[in-house]
Protein backbone atom coordinates (compact mmCIF):
# COMPACT_ATOMS: atom_id res chain seq x y z
CA MET A 1 -46.96 86.07 24.53
CA VAL A 2 -50.61 84.72 24.61
CA ASN A 3 -52.18 84.72 28.14
CA ASN A 4 -55.44 83.14 28.23
CA SER A 5 -56.53 81.89 31.71
CA GLN A 6 -58.78 79.16 29.99
CA GLU A 7 -55.35 77.67 28.07
CA ASN A 8 -53.95 74.53 29.99
CA ARG A 9 -50.59 74.93 28.82
CA ASN A 10 -47.23 73.78 30.69
CA PHE A 11 -45.33 76.34 28.33
CA PRO A 12 -46.21 79.80 27.54
CA ARG A 13 -47.07 80.37 23.79
CA PHE A 14 -45.58 83.42 21.91
CA THR A 15 -47.18 85.14 19.16
CA THR A 16 -44.73 86.12 16.44
CA GLU A 17 -44.13 85.73 12.56
CA CYS A 18 -41.46 83.83 10.88
CA PRO A 19 -40.84 81.80 7.61
CA VAL A 20 -40.88 78.09 8.17
CA PHE A 21 -39.96 75.50 5.49
CA TYR A 22 -42.10 72.15 5.92
CA LEU A 23 -41.73 68.88 4.29
CA SER A 24 -44.59 66.23 4.85
CA ASP A 25 -45.36 62.82 3.70
CA GLU A 26 -47.87 64.73 1.18
CA ALA A 27 -45.89 67.33 0.04
CA ASN A 28 -44.09 67.49 -3.38
CA GLY A 29 -40.74 68.91 -1.94
CA TRP A 30 -40.36 71.69 0.57
CA GLN A 31 -43.20 74.19 1.06
CA VAL A 32 -43.24 77.52 2.66
CA GLY A 33 -45.46 78.70 5.40
CA VAL A 34 -45.61 81.31 8.32
CA MET A 35 -45.20 80.33 11.85
CA THR A 36 -47.68 82.46 13.78
CA ASN A 37 -46.92 81.43 17.39
CA MET A 38 -44.71 78.67 19.24
CA SER A 39 -44.28 77.49 22.60
CA ALA A 40 -41.54 75.02 23.73
CA THR A 41 -43.57 72.02 22.53
CA GLY A 42 -45.08 73.12 19.24
CA MET A 43 -46.02 75.80 16.90
CA LYS A 44 -49.05 76.90 14.62
CA ILE A 45 -48.20 77.33 10.92
CA THR A 46 -50.31 79.18 8.35
CA CYS A 47 -49.90 77.43 5.09
CA LYS A 48 -51.24 77.02 1.54
CA GLU A 49 -51.52 73.27 1.40
CA ALA A 50 -53.60 71.11 3.62
CA VAL A 51 -51.57 68.65 5.79
CA PRO A 52 -53.81 66.07 7.37
CA GLU A 53 -53.64 65.47 11.13
CA ASN A 54 -51.11 62.81 12.14
CA ALA A 55 -49.08 63.74 9.31
CA ARG A 56 -45.03 63.78 10.28
CA MET A 57 -43.58 66.84 9.12
CA GLN A 58 -39.83 68.48 8.65
CA ILE A 59 -39.37 71.62 9.77
CA LYS A 60 -36.89 74.33 9.15
CA LEU A 61 -37.31 77.74 11.05
CA THR A 62 -35.41 80.64 9.45
CA PRO A 63 -36.05 83.56 11.46
CA ARG A 64 -34.08 86.02 9.07
CA GLY A 65 -33.43 89.12 11.52
CA ASN A 66 -36.26 88.06 13.99
CA THR A 67 -34.57 87.99 17.33
CA THR A 68 -37.37 86.26 19.46
CA VAL A 69 -37.10 83.02 17.30
CA PRO A 70 -34.14 80.66 16.94
CA ALA A 71 -33.20 78.89 13.86
CA ILE A 72 -34.16 75.39 14.37
CA ARG A 73 -34.75 72.32 12.40
CA GLY A 74 -36.96 69.33 13.38
CA GLU A 75 -39.59 67.10 13.19
CA GLY A 76 -43.21 67.22 14.10
CA ILE A 77 -46.69 65.63 14.04
CA VAL A 78 -49.67 67.68 12.74
CA VAL A 79 -52.35 67.55 15.92
CA ARG A 80 -55.02 69.99 14.07
CA SER A 81 -55.38 71.08 10.48
CA GLU A 82 -58.10 73.47 9.85
CA LYS A 83 -59.23 75.43 6.70
CA GLY A 84 -58.68 79.21 7.56
CA ASP A 85 -59.80 81.68 5.05
CA ALA A 86 -60.37 80.96 1.43
CA ARG A 87 -56.38 80.20 0.44
CA ARG A 88 -55.08 79.19 3.63
CA TYR A 89 -54.80 76.44 6.26
CA GLN A 90 -53.72 76.49 10.05
CA ILE A 91 -51.58 73.72 11.18
CA ALA A 92 -51.01 72.81 14.72
CA CYS A 93 -48.07 70.79 15.14
CA LYS A 94 -46.43 69.01 18.17
CA MET A 95 -42.53 68.96 17.94
CA ILE A 96 -41.03 65.26 18.71
CA LYS A 97 -37.61 66.21 17.68
CA VAL A 98 -35.62 69.36 17.69
CA GLU A 99 -32.05 70.21 16.47
CA PRO A 100 -29.88 73.23 15.99
CA PRO A 101 -29.70 74.41 12.46
CA GLU A 102 -27.36 73.20 9.93
CA ARG A 103 -24.11 75.36 10.11
CA PRO A 104 -22.32 76.43 6.78
CA ARG A 105 -18.78 74.50 6.54
CA ARG A 106 -16.02 76.46 6.56
CA PRO A 107 -13.53 75.81 3.73
CA LEU A 108 -10.54 73.90 4.31
């Protein structure tokens, strides 16, 4: 958990790594990134593609054994987009809709 006394947050932020699938208006299909931290209201994603601020994104978290991260799907708005190292971008996304993951249907 990030514990920085200068941060003004209503919810704690947890540092973790988890694959995340995202789809933005600018993307050509689903993209894969890595969620690097999350709170009750948003997340930070490292990705290869630039996503502009204020873009809407569909998001699917797939923890794959990471028990600290729930499997969710939802929708968010990019509140910050910054170029990181030479081939990565840092996206801060505020979640505006969160749903449980789709469950596989049982055969009849």
